[in-house]
Protein backbone atom coordinates (compact mmCIF):
# COMPACT_ATOMS: atom_id res chain seq x y z
CA MET A 1 0.00 0.00 0.00
CA LEU A 2 2.72 2.47 0.99
CA LEU A 3 4.75 1.57 -2.09
CA ASP A 4 1.74 2.10 -4.37
CA THR A 5 1.13 5.46 -2.72
CA ALA A 6 4.75 6.47 -3.18
CA ILE A 7 4.65 5.56 -6.87
CA HIS A 8 1.51 7.62 -7.41
CA GLN A 9 3.04 10.52 -5.49
CA ALA A 10 6.21 10.35 -7.58
CA THR A 11 4.15 10.45 -10.78
CA GLY A 12 2.13 13.38 -9.55
CA LEU A 13 5.24 15.30 -8.53
CA GLN A 14 7.01 15.05 -11.89
CA SER A 15 5.76 18.50 -12.82
CA LEU A 16 7.47 19.94 -9.74
CA ALA A 17 10.85 18.65 -10.89
CA THR A 18 10.68 20.58 -14.14
CA GLN A 19 9.98 23.92 -12.41
CA ARG A 20 13.27 23.95 -10.43
CA GLU A 21 11.93 26.11 -7.66
CA LEU A 22 13.56 26.06 -4.25
CA ARG A 23 11.15 24.28 -1.93
CA LEU A 24 11.16 24.55 1.84
CA LEU A 25 11.19 21.38 3.98
CA PRO A 26 11.28 22.20 7.72
CA VAL A 27 12.20 19.37 10.09
CA VAL A 28 12.01 19.81 13.86
CA ALA A 29 15.34 18.87 15.46
CA GLN A 30 15.33 16.43 18.36
CA SER A 31 17.69 16.80 21.30
CA ASP A 32 18.39 13.14 22.05
CA ASP A 33 20.49 10.54 20.26
CA GLY A 34 17.70 8.79 18.41
CA PRO A 35 17.75 7.75 14.75
CA TRP A 36 16.59 11.20 13.62
CA LEU A 37 19.64 12.34 11.69
CA GLU A 38 20.07 8.97 10.01
CA LEU A 39 16.45 9.06 8.91
CA LEU A 40 16.89 12.65 7.69
CA TRP A 41 19.88 11.66 5.54
CA GLN A 42 17.85 8.81 4.07
CA LEU A 43 14.96 11.15 3.26
CA CYS A 44 17.35 13.52 1.49
CA SER A 45 19.00 10.64 -0.35
CA HIS A 46 15.63 9.48 -1.71
CA LEU A 47 14.81 12.99 -2.91
CA GLN A 48 18.16 13.32 -4.66
CA ARG A 49 17.72 9.99 -6.42
CA LEU A 50 14.34 11.27 -7.64
CA GLY A 51 16.03 14.30 -9.18
CA TYR A 52 15.64 16.88 -6.41
CA PRO A 53 19.07 18.19 -5.27
CA VAL A 54 18.86 18.95 -1.54
CA ALA A 55 20.71 21.37 0.71
CA VAL A 56 20.43 20.95 4.48
CA LEU A 57 20.74 23.94 6.80
CA ASP A 58 21.62 22.43 10.17
CA GLY A 59 20.40 24.75 12.90
CA THR A 60 21.99 22.52 15.56
CA ALA A 61 25.53 23.17 14.25
CA LEU A 62 27.39 26.46 14.75
CA GLU A 63 29.25 28.10 11.90
CA SER A 64 32.93 28.93 12.40
CA GLY A 65 36.00 29.89 10.43
CA ARG A 66 36.86 26.22 10.00
CA SER A 67 33.26 25.17 9.37
CA PRO A 68 31.65 28.01 7.42
CA GLY A 69 27.96 27.90 6.68
CA LEU A 70 24.84 29.99 6.41
CA ALA A 71 26.16 32.94 8.45
CA GLN A 72 29.03 33.36 6.01
CA LEU A 73 26.73 33.01 3.00
CA LEU A 74 24.51 35.76 4.36
CA GLY A 75 27.53 37.99 5.01
CA ALA A 76 29.76 39.90 2.65
CA ARG A 77 32.61 37.38 2.63
CA PRO A 78 31.58 33.76 2.03
CA TRP A 79 34.31 31.15 1.74
CA PRO A 80 36.13 30.49 -1.55
CA GLY A 81 34.00 28.23 -3.76
CA ALA A 82 30.73 29.12 -2.01
CA GLU A 83 29.44 30.62 -5.24
CA LYS A 84 29.01 27.08 -6.60
CA LEU A 85 25.89 26.80 -4.42
CA ASN A 86 24.34 29.36 -6.76
CA HIS A 87 25.14 27.51 -9.96
CA GLU A 88 25.53 23.77 -9.65
CA ALA A 89 24.71 21.06 -7.17
CA ALA A 90 27.24 18.29 -6.63
CA ASP A 91 26.93 15.72 -9.40
CA ASP A 92 28.36 12.86 -7.32
CA GLY A 93 25.21 12.39 -5.26
CA SER A 94 26.75 13.92 -2.13
CA LEU A 95 24.52 15.89 0.20
CA ALA A 96 25.21 19.58 0.91
CA VAL A 97 24.97 20.07 4.69
CA LEU A 98 25.79 23.53 6.04
CA PRO A 99 26.13 24.62 9.68
CA ALA A 100 23.40 27.20 10.14
CA ALA A 101 22.72 27.96 13.82
CA ARG A 102 23.91 31.58 13.68
CA GLY A 103 22.51 32.25 10.22
CA LEU A 104 19.06 30.91 11.08
CA ALA A 105 19.08 32.82 14.37
CA TRP A 106 19.78 36.03 12.45
CA LEU A 107 17.02 35.29 9.93
CA ALA A 108 14.66 34.51 12.82
CA SER A 109 15.49 37.88 14.41
CA GLN A 110 14.68 39.59 11.11
CA ALA A 111 11.38 37.71 10.93
CA GLU A 112 10.52 38.77 14.48
CA LEU A 113 11.14 42.38 13.44
CA GLY A 114 8.43 42.00 10.81
CA GLN A 115 10.54 40.93 7.83
CA ASN A 116 8.09 38.37 6.42
CA THR A 117 10.44 37.67 3.50
CA ALA A 118 13.44 36.75 5.69
CA LEU A 119 13.60 33.17 4.39
CA GLN A 120 13.45 34.34 0.79
CA ARG A 121 17.04 35.52 1.25
CA LEU A 122 17.98 31.85 0.86
CA GLN A 123 16.80 31.56 -2.74
CA PRO A 124 19.62 33.47 -4.47
CA LEU A 125 22.15 31.65 -2.26
CA LEU A 126 20.96 28.14 -3.13
CA ARG A 127 19.80 28.42 -6.73
CA ALA A 128 21.40 25.12 -7.68
CA TYR A 129 19.07 23.16 -5.41
CA ALA A 130 15.46 22.05 -5.66
CA ALA A 131 14.83 21.77 -1.92
CA VAL A 132 16.27 23.20 1.28
CA VAL A 133 15.79 21.37 4.58
CA LEU A 134 15.65 23.55 7.69
CA TYR A 135 16.69 21.28 10.55
CA ALA A 136 16.31 23.25 13.76
CA PRO A 137 14.58 23.30 17.17
CA PRO A 138 10.97 24.51 17.23
CA GLU A 139 11.99 27.71 19.02
CA GLN A 140 14.10 28.64 16.00
CA LEU A 141 11.73 27.38 13.33
CA ALA A 142 8.58 29.10 14.59
CA PRO A 143 9.52 32.74 13.85
CA LEU A 144 10.94 31.73 10.48
CA LEU A 145 7.81 29.87 9.42
CA LEU A 146 5.20 32.22 10.85
CA GLY A 147 2.66 32.94 8.12
CA SER A 148 3.96 30.35 5.67
CA ALA A 149 2.15 27.33 4.25
CA SER A 150 4.81 24.93 5.54
CA VAL A 151 4.03 21.61 7.23
CA PRO A 152 7.02 20.81 9.47
CA LEU A 153 8.00 17.23 10.19
CA VAL A 154 8.19 16.03 13.79
CA MET A 155 9.89 12.65 14.31
CA THR A 156 9.21 10.47 17.32
CA GLY A 157 9.90 6.93 18.45
CA PRO A 158 7.69 3.82 18.35
CA GLY A 159 5.04 3.15 20.96
CA ALA A 160 4.73 5.94 23.51
CA GLN A 161 8.40 6.94 23.23
CA GLY A 162 8.72 10.67 22.81
CA MET A 163 4.99 11.35 22.44
CA VAL A 164 4.91 13.93 25.26
CA ARG A 165 7.81 15.78 23.64
CA SER A 166 6.10 15.56 20.25
CA TYR A 167 2.95 17.12 21.67
CA ARG A 168 4.97 19.97 23.17
CA GLN A 169 6.58 20.58 19.78
CA LEU A 170 3.20 20.50 18.04
CA LYS A 171 1.91 22.99 20.61
CA HIS A 172 4.89 25.32 20.16
CA MET A 173 4.51 25.39 16.38
CA ALA A 174 0.76 25.95 16.71
CA LEU A 175 1.05 28.76 19.26
CA HIS A 176 4.03 30.58 17.77
CA ALA A 177 3.75 29.89 14.05
CA GLY A 178 0.10 29.00 13.52
CA LEU A 179 1.15 25.76 11.81
CA ARG A 180 0.23 22.12 12.03
CA CYS A 181 2.90 19.46 11.66
CA THR A 182 3.22 15.94 10.33
CA VAL A 183 4.29 13.42 12.98
CA ALA A 184 6.27 10.36 11.90
CA ALA A 185 6.91 7.51 14.34
CA ILE A 186 10.27 5.98 13.37
CA VAL A 187 10.45 2.26 14.12
CA PRO A 188 14.02 0.83 14.29
CA SER A 189 14.68 -2.44 12.53
CA GLN A 190 15.16 -4.33 15.81
CA SER A 191 12.29 -2.75 17.72
CA GLY A 192 10.32 -5.10 19.95
CA ILE A 193 7.36 -2.75 20.17
CA GLN A 194 4.19 -4.01 18.56
CA PRO A 195 2.65 -1.95 15.72
CA ARG A 196 -0.58 -1.70 17.70
CA GLN A 197 1.22 0.18 20.49
CA THR A 198 2.54 2.77 18.06
CA ALA A 199 -0.84 3.17 16.38
CA GLU A 200 -2.54 3.71 19.75
CA ALA A 201 0.08 6.29 20.83
CA LEU A 202 -0.29 8.23 17.57
CA ALA A 203 -4.09 8.14 17.87
CA THR A 204 -3.81 9.56 21.41
CA LEU A 205 -1.53 12.31 20.10
CA GLN A 206 -4.05 13.16 17.37
CA ARG A 207 -6.90 13.36 19.89
CA SER A 208 -4.86 15.65 22.15
CA ALA A 209 -3.94 17.94 19.25
CA HIS A 210 -7.57 18.12 18.15
CA LYS A 211 -8.91 18.78 21.64
CA HIS A 212 -6.34 21.28 22.88
CA LEU A 213 -4.91 22.82 19.69
CA GLY A 214 -7.88 22.58 17.35
CA GLN A 215 -5.73 20.77 14.81
CA GLN A 216 -6.14 17.72 12.60
CA VAL A 217 -2.59 16.34 12.74
CA HIS A 218 -1.44 13.84 10.12
CA THR A 219 0.58 10.95 11.55
CA THR A 220 2.42 8.08 9.93
CA THR A 221 4.60 5.14 10.91
CA VAL A 222 7.91 4.64 9.13
CA SER A 223 9.92 1.45 9.39
CA ALA A 224 13.63 2.26 9.19
CA ALA A 225 14.16 -1.09 7.45
CA ARG A 226 11.67 -0.37 4.62
CA PRO A 227 13.01 1.98 1.92
CA GLN A 228 9.50 2.35 0.48
CA ASP A 229 8.30 3.82 3.79
CA ILE A 230 11.09 6.39 3.75
CA GLN A 231 10.49 7.26 0.11
CA GLY A 232 6.78 7.71 0.77
CA LEU A 233 7.53 10.12 3.62
CA ALA A 234 10.06 12.03 1.49
CA LEU A 235 7.51 12.49 -1.28
CA GLN A 236 4.86 13.57 1.20
CA LEU A 237 7.21 16.24 2.57
CA LEU A 238 7.96 17.47 -0.93
CA GLU A 239 4.31 17.55 -1.87
CA ASN A 240 3.58 19.76 1.16
CA ALA A 241 6.59 22.04 0.61
CA PRO A 242 5.90 25.61 -0.52
CA ALA A 243 8.17 27.24 -3.08
CA LEU A 244 10.59 29.67 -1.48
CA ASP A 245 10.26 32.61 -3.84
CA SER A 246 8.31 35.81 -4.20
CA ALA A 247 5.14 33.74 -4.69
CA MET A 248 5.55 31.85 -1.39
CA PRO A 249 2.02 31.79 0.06
CA LEU A 250 1.48 33.67 3.27
CA LEU A 251 -1.39 32.91 5.62
CA GLN A 252 -3.44 35.65 7.23
CA ILE A 253 -2.11 36.09 10.75
CA ASP A 254 -3.98 37.92 13.50
CA GLY A 255 -2.40 40.23 16.00
CA SER A 256 -1.57 37.44 18.42
CA GLY A 257 0.91 35.84 16.03
CA ALA A 258 -1.05 32.61 15.62
CA SER A 259 -3.79 31.68 13.22
CA ALA A 260 -7.42 31.90 14.24
CA MET A 261 -7.64 28.30 15.41
CA HIS A 262 -8.70 27.30 18.93
CA LEU A 263 -5.62 27.00 21.11
CA ASP A 264 -5.74 25.77 24.67
CA ARG A 265 -2.57 27.12 26.31
CA SER A 266 -3.10 25.24 29.56
CA HIS A 267 -1.91 21.86 28.22
């Protein structure tokens, strides 16, 4: 079923590949040592094999003189060779991963000052790519995504593992960005947790989001040992990704900074 869905999604997304717009794929960073980064690399690898060159802006890694990244790109003196990001993606299948903690923090500060086009500064810097992944904590993503049509990805573990944290991240993105997220439960290949336990935990999370946040949250289960599961999630993310250009859709935001959905701040 998932493989059939992925095939249909890939067919339907062929028109996106020909447009070569820079699409925004936000992923909420997790603070523990789970399989999150490995799953993220696999998602990016699937997209690249489908013809979508990907650049990852890692908001958990600081830029420095020895490890330049987004901060340098946004400044007046990027490193030698940085201009290649504007013209050509690597043709060897390698993934472009840039430290971006300082750069994203600066863009977030611009967004908080009312610069709704802060993220659009990325487009001329990454013209060679079809998608840019923003991997950062929810506190950093929220001001950047406020008013956009993005659907961030939240990854959690199987069963009830991490579900409380996932709800807190859903709540933060709802309160501070007016956005709903997709939640993916990542099941390791050697997990002893029964599928029923994961399904019940995700259903509980959906009920909580509906009751307290007024949101219909999409959830899915991804087996780390099934490439078709990962490809299906990658295509879903791409399908939900807005184009990062002057036509990037903006939602109507009220004075409180969140959309006009019911939000229960007590939970």
